[in-house]
Amino acid sequence: MEEELKRELGKRGLSYSNVPDKGRCLFSTRDFSPGEVIISQEPYVSVPNKTSGNSRCDWCFSSSNLKRCSSCQVVWYCGSTCQKSDWKLHQLECQALSKLDKNRIKSLTPSIRLMVKLFIRKKLQREKIIPTTSMDNYKLVEALVSHMSEVDEKQLLLYAQMANLVNVILRWPDVSIKEIAENFAKLAANAHTICDSELRPLGTGLYPVISIINHSCLPNSVLVFEGKMAVVRAVQPVPRGSEVLISYIETAGSTLTRQKTLKEQYYFTCTCSRCSNLGQPNDIEESSVLEGYRCKDANCNGFLLCDSDNKGFICQQCGLLRDREDLKKILGELKLTTEKASMNYSSGNRAEASALYKMIEKLQLKLCHPFSLNLMRTRETILKISMELQDWGEALAYCKLTIPVYERVYPGHHPLLGLQYYTCGKLDWLHGNTEGSIKSLTKAVKILRNTHGERSPFTEELLSKLEEAHAEASYKLSSSDY
């Protein structure tokens, strides 16, 4: 199978090999341009997210016209087409789930279901009920790294408990709990969150060939999803012989934060060009700006570093000392207000939640640098609530406040930056600002036509909105001539 995979990748202008200290790596054997698809793959197995009051079709992840499987009462489908497409696999899953008592049904997390489906698919392929190909077979799952030797005891115990539940569900004597537990470790390090076009999570999928691609905090490619299909597109020129790299994590954050996340979740230390700056003066400054405190002088935008006596933080621009007690007081208020805001939002009290998040914003403005990520996330929350309340003017104001931070923390080709321009463009449009809408949508198109594909329904809709905005601007201009 390995030679077949190499041949299949070769047809696509790709090769893979094992590199010391890195493991398997995917390389280009031809030049790829920004926007070009490097590789795509359907999931070996996938499962929708389990959220209260919001089920999804197990096959296509749609949330419309859903009907529960009449036999197992666990799985949902949006119609007979999806149900038939999934039947070979779900037939066995359905039989297993139907035998479970109510308490076990409640324990069915997406991870448990994903594992059950993984072993069913393995069985069906082994029995040739479902075909295998070079890019779709269980041997690719076996080749994934589990990091079992690096997993802590608490996590190992959890994997063993989950494996035991999967074993109870399947009741197959030829499947060992050890193999199931190891596969849970593989899922933790290799499964991908399936998102919609606006990068909102829908479910989880395992893509064993895509998992060959390594991480960089400044990648040359991006992973997006078209339905459940994982699509890797170049966002920078990828010359022949280059390693194809995507990002595994949210890259907005200090080098230390990124390194900590990668070490905890993926068990490696990143050595990309961004991470090589760790501890350098510019890296220390960036960390302090994004995640540290602001100067006590409201007119100074300097960043703060801990003083030698550990009594407080000194502004590196004007030299003012900010006392630890002063910071502790604001942090205490922030904690209490955040708890209240979160409770109000969870209980559906949007107006009260919005008022509380604005109080959080005021406290953060006293505490954090203007480019603080925490401040940006608070403003994103207020933006989200404003849109839910259909207060387009306030939503637009808060969206514009986030843009400078997005421009600072994301490279110019990052899909999240493109999507924030897109949101700004739509809000400008709703607020009657056609010129502003054109500017933001133009910036969005420049990024998203590469990340999402020139001909994707999402890009076509975006281009249509931009065309409409141009038409309205022309109409306004011609009307003002009379």
Protein backbone atom coordinates (compact mmCIF):
# COMPACT_ATOMS: atom_id res chain seq x y z
CA MET A 1 0.00 0.00 0.00
CA GLU A 2 2.89 2.40 0.75
CA GLU A 3 4.25 2.19 -2.80
CA GLU A 4 0.71 2.71 -4.17
CA LEU A 5 0.34 5.83 -2.00
CA LYS A 6 3.69 7.17 -3.24
CA ARG A 7 2.57 6.61 -6.86
CA GLU A 8 -0.79 8.32 -6.21
CA LEU A 9 0.91 11.31 -4.57
CA GLY A 10 3.41 11.43 -7.44
CA LYS A 11 0.52 11.97 -9.90
CA ARG A 12 -0.45 15.02 -7.84
CA GLY A 13 3.04 16.56 -7.82
CA LEU A 14 3.81 15.37 -4.29
CA SER A 15 6.08 12.97 -2.43
CA TYR A 16 6.58 12.02 1.18
CA SER A 17 9.52 10.79 3.17
CA ASN A 18 10.68 10.35 6.76
CA VAL A 19 12.92 13.13 8.05
CA PRO A 20 14.95 12.69 11.27
CA ASP A 21 13.35 14.50 14.29
CA LYS A 22 10.27 15.34 12.20
CA GLY A 23 8.82 12.04 11.03
CA ARG A 24 6.80 11.90 7.81
CA CYS A 25 6.80 15.06 5.69
CA LEU A 26 4.95 15.97 2.48
CA PHE A 27 7.00 17.65 -0.27
CA SER A 28 6.08 19.25 -3.59
CA THR A 29 7.63 17.79 -6.74
CA ARG A 30 6.39 20.73 -8.84
CA ASP A 31 5.65 24.42 -8.30
CA PHE A 32 2.29 25.32 -6.71
CA SER A 33 0.83 28.84 -7.00
CA PRO A 34 -1.31 30.62 -4.35
CA GLY A 35 -4.88 29.36 -4.59
CA GLU A 36 -3.93 26.05 -6.19
CA VAL A 37 -5.17 22.81 -4.59
CA ILE A 38 -2.20 20.79 -3.34
CA ILE A 39 -4.17 17.80 -2.06
CA SER A 40 -7.71 16.89 -1.03
CA GLN A 41 -9.16 13.90 0.83
CA GLU A 42 -12.52 12.63 2.04
CA PRO A 43 -12.52 11.56 5.71
CA TYR A 44 -11.76 7.96 6.60
CA VAL A 45 -14.41 8.46 9.31
CA SER A 46 -16.23 11.56 10.54
CA VAL A 47 -18.85 12.55 13.06
CA PRO A 48 -20.82 15.79 13.63
CA ASN A 49 -20.46 17.81 16.83
CA LYS A 50 -22.87 17.06 19.64
CA THR A 51 -24.38 20.37 20.73
CA SER A 52 -27.52 20.90 22.78
CA GLY A 53 -30.55 21.51 20.58
CA ASN A 54 -28.53 21.54 17.35
CA SER A 55 -28.19 18.11 15.73
CA ARG A 56 -26.60 17.55 12.30
CA CYS A 57 -26.93 15.03 9.50
CA ASP A 58 -24.36 12.28 10.05
CA TRP A 59 -23.45 12.17 6.36
CA CYS A 60 -23.38 15.79 5.14
CA PHE A 61 -23.48 17.75 8.45
CA SER A 62 -26.55 19.75 7.37
CA SER A 63 -28.82 20.97 10.19
CA SER A 64 -31.98 21.22 8.02
CA ASN A 65 -34.94 18.80 7.67
CA LEU A 66 -33.45 16.30 10.11
CA LYS A 67 -35.03 12.98 11.03
CA ARG A 68 -33.69 10.59 13.64
CA CYS A 69 -32.78 7.02 12.66
CA SER A 70 -35.92 5.11 13.70
CA SER A 71 -33.94 2.10 14.89
CA CYS A 72 -31.03 3.41 17.03
CA GLN A 73 -32.60 6.83 17.83
CA VAL A 74 -29.06 8.30 18.01
CA VAL A 75 -28.10 9.29 14.47
CA TRP A 76 -29.80 11.97 12.36
CA TYR A 77 -30.10 12.36 8.56
CA CYS A 78 -31.39 15.22 6.41
CA GLY A 79 -32.97 12.85 3.86
CA SER A 80 -32.98 9.40 2.30
CA THR A 81 -30.01 10.20 0.00
CA CYS A 82 -27.65 10.77 2.95
CA GLN A 83 -29.10 7.83 4.86
CA LYS A 84 -28.52 5.48 1.89
CA SER A 85 -24.99 6.83 1.37
CA ASP A 86 -24.14 6.05 4.98
CA TRP A 87 -26.08 2.78 5.27
CA LYS A 88 -23.28 0.24 4.77
CA LEU A 89 -21.43 1.67 7.75
CA HIS A 90 -24.41 2.78 9.84
CA GLN A 91 -26.13 -0.58 9.51
CA LEU A 92 -23.53 -2.17 11.81
CA GLU A 93 -23.31 0.89 14.04
CA CYS A 94 -27.10 0.97 14.30
CA GLN A 95 -27.24 -2.67 15.43
CA ALA A 96 -24.63 -1.97 18.11
CA LEU A 97 -26.21 1.28 19.36
CA SER A 98 -29.70 -0.25 19.48
CA LYS A 99 -28.55 -2.70 22.16
CA LEU A 100 -27.30 0.02 24.54
CA ASP A 101 -29.20 1.12 27.64
CA LYS A 102 -30.11 4.80 28.19
CA ASN A 103 -27.14 5.54 30.47
CA ARG A 104 -24.65 4.26 27.90
CA ILE A 105 -26.41 6.26 25.15
CA LYS A 106 -25.81 9.42 27.25
CA SER A 107 -22.09 8.57 27.34
CA LEU A 108 -21.87 8.57 23.52
CA THR A 109 -19.53 11.49 22.87
CA PRO A 110 -18.46 12.31 19.28
CA SER A 111 -15.03 10.77 20.07
CA ILE A 112 -16.62 7.45 21.12
CA ARG A 113 -18.78 7.37 18.00
CA LEU A 114 -15.80 8.24 15.79
CA MET A 115 -13.88 5.30 17.24
CA VAL A 116 -16.82 2.90 16.81
CA LYS A 117 -17.11 4.00 13.16
CA LEU A 118 -13.35 3.60 12.69
CA PHE A 119 -13.43 -0.10 13.64
CA ILE A 120 -16.62 -0.73 11.64
CA ARG A 121 -14.98 0.80 8.55
CA LYS A 122 -11.89 -1.33 9.12
CA LYS A 123 -14.08 -4.47 9.29
CA LEU A 124 -16.08 -3.54 6.17
CA GLN A 125 -12.91 -2.88 4.16
CA ARG A 126 -11.31 -6.11 5.37
CA GLU A 127 -14.43 -8.00 4.24
CA LYS A 128 -14.40 -6.07 0.93
CA ILE A 129 -17.91 -4.66 1.53
CA ILE A 130 -16.37 -1.19 1.23
CA PRO A 131 -13.51 -0.84 -1.31
CA THR A 132 -9.99 0.25 -0.34
CA THR A 133 -7.71 2.58 -2.29
CA SER A 134 -4.16 3.84 -1.79
CA MET A 135 -5.58 6.91 -0.01
CA ASP A 136 -8.42 5.14 1.80
CA ASN A 137 -7.40 2.14 3.90
CA TYR A 138 -6.82 1.20 7.52
CA LYS A 139 -3.04 0.76 7.03
CA LEU A 140 -2.84 4.56 6.79
CA VAL A 141 -4.45 4.77 10.24
CA GLU A 142 -1.95 2.24 11.58
CA ALA A 143 0.89 4.43 10.27
CA LEU A 144 -0.27 7.48 12.31
CA VAL A 145 1.80 8.49 15.34
CA SER A 146 0.09 7.96 18.71
CA HIS A 147 2.69 9.48 21.11
CA MET A 148 1.54 6.86 23.67
CA SER A 149 4.90 7.01 25.50
CA GLU A 150 4.48 10.76 26.04
CA VAL A 151 0.83 10.74 27.19
CA ASP A 152 0.45 11.31 30.95
CA GLU A 153 -1.12 8.70 33.23
CA LYS A 154 -4.37 10.60 33.74
CA GLN A 155 -4.94 10.78 29.98
CA LEU A 156 -3.96 7.12 29.51
CA LEU A 157 -6.56 6.15 32.10
CA LEU A 158 -9.20 8.18 30.24
CA TYR A 159 -8.27 6.47 26.95
CA ALA A 160 -8.59 3.07 28.67
CA GLN A 161 -12.06 3.96 30.01
CA MET A 162 -13.17 5.20 26.58
CA ALA A 163 -11.70 2.09 24.93
CA ASN A 164 -13.65 -0.09 27.35
CA LEU A 165 -16.92 1.65 26.37
CA VAL A 166 -16.14 1.16 22.65
CA ASN A 167 -15.43 -2.51 23.38
CA VAL A 168 -18.81 -2.85 25.16
CA ILE A 169 -20.58 -1.21 22.18
CA LEU A 170 -18.91 -3.35 19.49
CA ARG A 171 -18.70 -6.67 21.37
CA TRP A 172 -16.13 -8.00 18.89
CA PRO A 173 -13.68 -10.53 20.37
CA ASP A 174 -10.96 -9.77 17.79
CA VAL A 175 -10.61 -6.09 18.83
CA SER A 176 -8.28 -5.40 21.76
CA ILE A 177 -8.79 -2.60 24.29
CA LYS A 178 -5.09 -1.74 23.84
CA GLU A 179 -5.57 -1.11 20.10
CA ILE A 180 -8.67 1.03 20.75
CA ALA A 181 -6.83 3.08 23.43
CA GLU A 182 -3.88 3.63 21.08
CA ASN A 183 -6.27 4.78 18.36
CA PHE A 184 -7.75 7.35 20.76
CA ALA A 185 -4.23 8.74 21.20
CA LYS A 186 -3.88 8.81 17.39
CA LEU A 187 -7.16 10.71 17.06
CA ALA A 188 -6.03 13.28 19.64
CA ALA A 189 -2.91 14.05 17.60
CA ASN A 190 -4.26 13.57 14.06
CA ALA A 191 -8.01 14.25 13.80
CA HIS A 192 -9.14 17.55 12.26
CA THR A 193 -12.01 19.83 13.18
CA ILE A 194 -14.31 20.04 10.15
CA CYS A 195 -15.46 23.65 9.64
CA ASP A 196 -17.84 25.48 7.34
CA SER A 197 -16.72 28.20 4.91
CA GLU A 198 -16.61 30.76 7.74
CA LEU A 199 -14.44 28.41 9.84
CA ARG A 200 -17.21 27.56 12.33
CA PRO A 201 -16.75 24.01 13.68
CA LEU A 202 -19.23 21.36 12.48
CA GLY A 203 -17.61 18.07 13.45
CA THR A 204 -14.47 15.94 13.52
CA GLY A 205 -12.85 13.83 10.82
CA LEU A 206 -9.81 11.63 10.39
CA TYR A 207 -7.81 12.29 7.20
CA PRO A 208 -4.78 9.96 7.33
CA VAL A 209 -3.01 11.34 4.22
CA ILE A 210 -3.61 14.99 5.19
CA SER A 211 -2.11 14.04 8.59
CA ILE A 212 1.28 13.56 6.89
CA ILE A 213 1.45 17.37 6.50
CA ASN A 214 3.48 19.06 9.23
CA HIS A 215 2.87 22.27 11.16
CA SER A 216 4.33 25.76 10.82
CA CYS A 217 3.26 28.95 12.63
CA LEU A 218 3.87 30.68 9.28
CA PRO A 219 2.59 28.02 6.83
CA ASN A 220 2.68 28.11 3.03
CA SER A 221 -0.70 26.33 2.78
CA VAL A 222 -4.10 26.30 4.45
CA LEU A 223 -6.57 23.51 5.23
CA VAL A 224 -10.23 24.31 4.53
CA PHE A 225 -13.27 22.08 4.05
CA GLU A 226 -15.72 21.74 1.18
CA GLY A 227 -18.50 19.85 2.89
CA LYS A 228 -16.53 17.09 4.64
CA MET A 229 -13.73 17.03 2.06
CA ALA A 230 -10.44 18.40 3.42
CA VAL A 231 -8.78 20.65 0.86
CA VAL A 232 -5.21 21.96 1.21
CA ARG A 233 -4.49 25.06 -0.88
CA ALA A 234 -1.28 27.02 -1.30
CA VAL A 235 -1.45 30.55 0.17
CA GLN A 236 2.12 31.36 -0.86
CA PRO A 237 4.18 30.10 -3.79
CA VAL A 238 5.31 26.54 -2.98
CA PRO A 239 8.37 25.88 -5.19
CA ARG A 240 9.32 22.36 -6.25
CA GLY A 241 11.12 20.54 -3.43
CA SER A 242 9.46 22.59 -0.66
CA GLU A 243 7.76 21.00 2.32
CA VAL A 244 3.99 21.55 2.36
CA LEU A 245 3.07 23.11 5.74
CA ILE A 246 -0.22 24.01 7.42
CA SER A 247 -1.01 25.35 10.88
CA TYR A 248 -2.37 22.96 13.53
CA ILE A 249 -3.31 25.68 16.00
CA GLU A 250 -4.60 29.24 16.37
CA THR A 251 -1.43 31.17 15.50
CA ALA A 252 -2.48 34.52 17.00
CA GLY A 253 -0.49 34.59 20.24
CA SER A 254 3.00 34.85 21.63
CA THR A 255 5.70 32.35 20.69
CA LEU A 256 5.57 30.92 24.23
CA THR A 257 1.79 30.42 24.03
CA ARG A 258 2.04 28.68 20.64
CA GLN A 259 4.92 26.50 21.81
CA LYS A 260 3.01 25.50 24.97
CA THR A 261 -0.11 24.55 22.96
CA LEU A 262 1.87 22.49 20.43
CA LYS A 263 3.84 20.71 23.17
CA GLU A 264 0.72 19.85 25.19
CA GLN A 265 -1.43 18.73 22.28
CA TYR A 266 1.02 17.47 19.65
CA TYR A 267 4.19 16.69 21.67
CA PHE A 268 6.71 18.66 19.62
CA THR A 269 8.60 21.96 19.73
CA CYS A 270 8.09 24.12 16.65
CA THR A 271 11.24 25.44 14.98
CA CYS A 272 9.57 27.49 12.22
CA SER A 273 10.83 30.96 11.27
CA ARG A 274 8.41 32.65 13.72
CA CYS A 275 9.40 30.41 16.62
CA SER A 276 13.14 30.85 15.98
CA ASN A 277 12.74 34.41 17.36
CA LEU A 278 11.87 33.11 20.85
CA GLY A 279 13.50 35.29 23.51
CA GLN A 280 14.69 37.94 21.02
CA PRO A 281 13.87 41.59 21.87
CA ASN A 282 11.18 41.84 19.15
CA ASP A 283 9.59 38.56 20.37
CA ILE A 284 9.56 39.76 24.01
CA GLU A 285 7.93 43.02 22.92
CA GLU A 286 5.30 41.23 20.81
CA SER A 287 4.44 38.87 23.71
CA SER A 288 4.06 41.79 26.11
CA VAL A 289 1.84 43.71 23.68
CA LEU A 290 -0.43 40.75 22.83
CA GLU A 291 -0.68 39.11 26.25
CA GLY A 292 0.73 41.57 28.80
CA TYR A 293 -0.31 44.82 30.49
CA ARG A 294 -0.53 48.43 29.34
CA CYS A 295 1.20 51.54 30.71
CA LYS A 296 -0.47 53.36 33.63
CA ASP A 297 -0.37 56.53 31.51
CA ALA A 298 -3.42 56.28 29.21
CA ASN A 299 -1.62 58.39 26.56
CA CYS A 300 1.37 56.05 26.38
CA ASN A 301 1.29 52.90 24.21
CA GLY A 302 4.47 51.40 25.64
CA PHE A 303 4.71 47.75 26.65
CA LEU A 304 5.47 46.58 30.19
CA LEU A 305 8.09 44.16 31.53
CA CYS A 306 8.48 42.85 35.08
CA ASP A 307 10.85 44.98 37.18
CA SER A 308 13.96 43.46 38.81
CA ASP A 309 12.43 43.55 42.33
CA ASN A 310 9.27 41.79 41.10
CA LYS A 311 7.14 44.56 42.66
CA GLY A 312 5.43 45.49 39.44
CA PHE A 313 5.91 46.18 35.73
CA ILE A 314 7.92 48.97 34.11
CA CYS A 315 6.85 50.67 30.88
CA GLN A 316 9.63 50.23 28.32
CA GLN A 317 8.69 53.51 26.65
CA CYS A 318 8.21 56.06 29.46
CA GLY A 319 9.65 54.21 32.49
CA LEU A 320 6.51 54.39 34.69
CA LEU A 321 6.11 51.59 37.26
CA ARG A 322 2.74 49.84 37.46
CA ASP A 323 2.15 48.28 40.87
CA ARG A 324 1.10 44.60 41.15
CA GLU A 325 -1.69 45.48 43.61
CA ASP A 326 -3.21 47.89 41.08
CA LEU A 327 -3.27 45.08 38.49
CA LYS A 328 -4.66 42.53 40.98
CA LYS A 329 -7.62 44.78 41.80
CA ILE A 330 -8.62 45.13 38.12
CA LEU A 331 -8.06 41.40 37.50
CA GLY A 332 -10.41 40.57 40.39
CA GLU A 333 -13.15 42.81 38.97
CA LEU A 334 -12.61 41.27 35.55
CA LYS A 335 -13.03 37.73 36.86
CA LEU A 336 -16.34 38.52 38.58
CA THR A 337 -17.76 40.46 35.62
CA THR A 338 -16.71 37.75 33.13
CA GLU A 339 -18.54 35.09 35.18
CA LYS A 340 -21.72 37.22 35.23
CA ALA A 341 -21.47 37.99 31.50
CA SER A 342 -20.99 34.33 30.61
CA MET A 343 -23.99 33.27 32.75
CA ASN A 344 -26.24 35.91 31.16
CA TYR A 345 -25.18 34.94 27.65
CA SER A 346 -25.71 31.21 28.35
CA SER A 347 -29.22 31.88 29.68
CA GLY A 348 -30.13 33.87 26.54
CA ASN A 349 -30.13 37.32 28.14
CA ARG A 350 -28.31 38.99 25.24
CA ALA A 351 -28.89 42.66 26.18
CA GLU A 352 -27.61 42.18 29.76
CA ALA A 353 -24.67 40.10 28.50
CA SER A 354 -23.75 42.86 26.02
CA ALA A 355 -23.76 45.48 28.82
CA LEU A 356 -21.53 43.27 30.99
CA TYR A 357 -19.08 42.57 28.14
CA LYS A 358 -18.82 46.34 27.59
CA MET A 359 -17.88 46.65 31.29
CA ILE A 360 -15.23 43.97 30.68
CA GLU A 361 -13.98 45.99 27.70
CA LYS A 362 -13.62 49.11 29.91
CA LEU A 363 -11.67 47.16 32.54
CA GLN A 364 -9.43 45.63 29.84
CA LEU A 365 -8.76 49.07 28.36
CA LYS A 366 -7.30 50.03 31.77
CA LEU A 367 -5.37 46.77 32.02
CA CYS A 368 -4.30 45.66 28.52
CA HIS A 369 -2.34 47.10 25.62
CA PRO A 370 -4.63 48.34 22.76
CA PHE A 371 -3.41 45.37 20.67
CA SER A 372 -4.20 42.87 23.42
CA LEU A 373 -5.70 39.56 22.25
CA ASN A 374 -7.97 39.40 25.31
CA LEU A 375 -9.38 42.84 24.48
CA MET A 376 -9.84 41.77 20.85
CA ARG A 377 -11.74 38.62 21.92
CA THR A 378 -14.04 40.64 24.18
CA ARG A 379 -14.81 42.94 21.25
CA GLU A 380 -15.46 39.91 19.05
CA THR A 381 -18.00 38.70 21.63
CA ILE A 382 -19.73 42.10 21.66
CA LEU A 383 -19.71 42.03 17.84
CA LYS A 384 -21.35 38.59 17.87
CA ILE A 385 -24.05 39.69 20.36
CA SER A 386 -24.70 42.92 18.41
CA MET A 387 -25.26 40.85 15.25
CA GLU A 388 -27.63 38.54 17.15
CA LEU A 389 -29.54 41.63 18.33
CA GLN A 390 -29.40 43.00 14.74
CA ASP A 391 -27.74 46.20 15.94
CA TRP A 392 -25.75 46.63 12.72
CA GLY A 393 -24.27 50.03 13.65
CA GLU A 394 -22.75 48.75 16.89
CA ALA A 395 -21.65 45.50 15.22
CA LEU A 396 -19.84 47.49 12.51
CA ALA A 397 -18.11 49.72 15.08
CA TYR A 398 -16.81 46.70 17.00
CA CYS A 399 -15.80 44.84 13.85
CA LYS A 400 -13.68 47.84 12.81
CA LEU A 401 -12.02 47.86 16.24
CA THR A 402 -10.84 44.27 15.72
CA ILE A 403 -9.39 44.79 12.23
CA PRO A 404 -6.04 46.44 13.27
CA VAL A 405 -5.35 43.57 15.69
CA TYR A 406 -6.20 40.96 13.01
CA GLU A 407 -3.83 42.75 10.62
CA ARG A 408 -1.09 42.62 13.24
CA VAL A 409 -1.44 38.99 14.40
CA TYR A 410 -2.27 37.24 11.10
CA PRO A 411 -0.25 37.19 7.86
CA GLY A 412 -1.87 38.95 4.90
CA HIS A 413 -3.05 35.65 3.35
CA HIS A 414 -4.71 34.19 6.48
CA PRO A 415 -8.36 33.09 6.01
CA LEU A 416 -9.42 34.55 9.40
CA LEU A 417 -8.23 38.00 8.28
CA GLY A 418 -10.15 37.56 5.02
CA LEU A 419 -13.29 36.51 6.90
CA GLN A 420 -13.06 39.53 9.22
CA TYR A 421 -12.84 41.84 6.16
CA TYR A 422 -15.86 39.94 4.78
CA THR A 423 -17.85 40.54 8.00
CA CYS A 424 -16.87 44.22 7.94
CA GLY A 425 -17.96 44.49 4.30
CA LYS A 426 -21.37 42.90 5.00
CA LEU A 427 -21.94 45.17 8.02
CA ASP A 428 -20.94 48.28 6.04
CA TRP A 429 -23.47 47.20 3.42
CA LEU A 430 -26.25 46.74 6.00
CA HIS A 431 -25.38 50.15 7.47
CA GLY A 432 -25.67 51.82 4.06
CA ASN A 433 -21.93 52.53 3.65
CA THR A 434 -21.42 51.25 0.09
CA GLU A 435 -17.90 52.64 -0.37
CA GLY A 436 -16.72 51.08 2.90
CA SER A 437 -18.33 47.80 1.90
CA ILE A 438 -16.48 47.77 -1.45
CA LYS A 439 -13.12 48.40 0.28
CA SER A 440 -13.58 45.60 2.83
CA LEU A 441 -15.08 43.08 0.38
CA THR A 442 -12.24 43.75 -2.09
CA LYS A 443 -9.70 42.93 0.64
CA ALA A 444 -11.70 39.82 1.55
CA VAL A 445 -11.79 38.58 -2.06
CA LYS A 446 -8.01 38.99 -2.42
CA ILE A 447 -7.45 36.53 0.45
CA LEU A 448 -10.44 34.18 0.29
CA ARG A 449 -10.31 33.41 -3.43
CA ASN A 450 -6.94 31.73 -2.65
CA THR A 451 -7.91 30.02 0.60
CA HIS A 452 -11.40 28.87 -0.43
CA GLY A 453 -10.94 28.48 -4.18
CA GLU A 454 -11.89 30.72 -7.10
CA ARG A 455 -14.94 28.62 -8.04
CA SER A 456 -16.25 27.61 -4.62
CA PRO A 457 -19.88 28.57 -3.81
CA PHE A 458 -18.58 30.69 -0.94
CA THR A 459 -16.22 32.72 -3.18
CA GLU A 460 -18.91 33.08 -5.86
CA GLU A 461 -21.30 34.47 -3.24
CA LEU A 462 -18.60 36.87 -2.02
CA LEU A 463 -17.87 38.05 -5.58
CA SER A 464 -21.62 38.49 -6.16
CA LYS A 465 -21.87 40.73 -3.06
CA LEU A 466 -18.92 42.80 -4.27
CA GLU A 467 -20.50 43.15 -7.74
CA GLU A 468 -23.76 44.24 -6.12
CA ALA A 469 -21.93 46.83 -4.00
CA HIS A 470 -20.16 48.21 -7.09
CA ALA A 471 -23.52 48.41 -8.93
CA GLU A 472 -25.10 50.32 -6.02
CA ALA A 473 -22.13 52.70 -5.82
CA SER A 474 -22.45 53.41 -9.58
CA TYR A 475 -26.20 54.00 -9.18
CA LYS A 476 -25.63 56.42 -6.29
CA LEU A 477 -22.99 58.26 -8.29
CA SER A 478 -25.23 58.58 -11.37
CA SER A 479 -28.20 59.68 -9.23
CA SER A 480 -26.13 62.44 -7.61
CA ASP A 481 -25.31 63.84 -11.08
CA TYR A 482 -28.92 64.89 -11.64
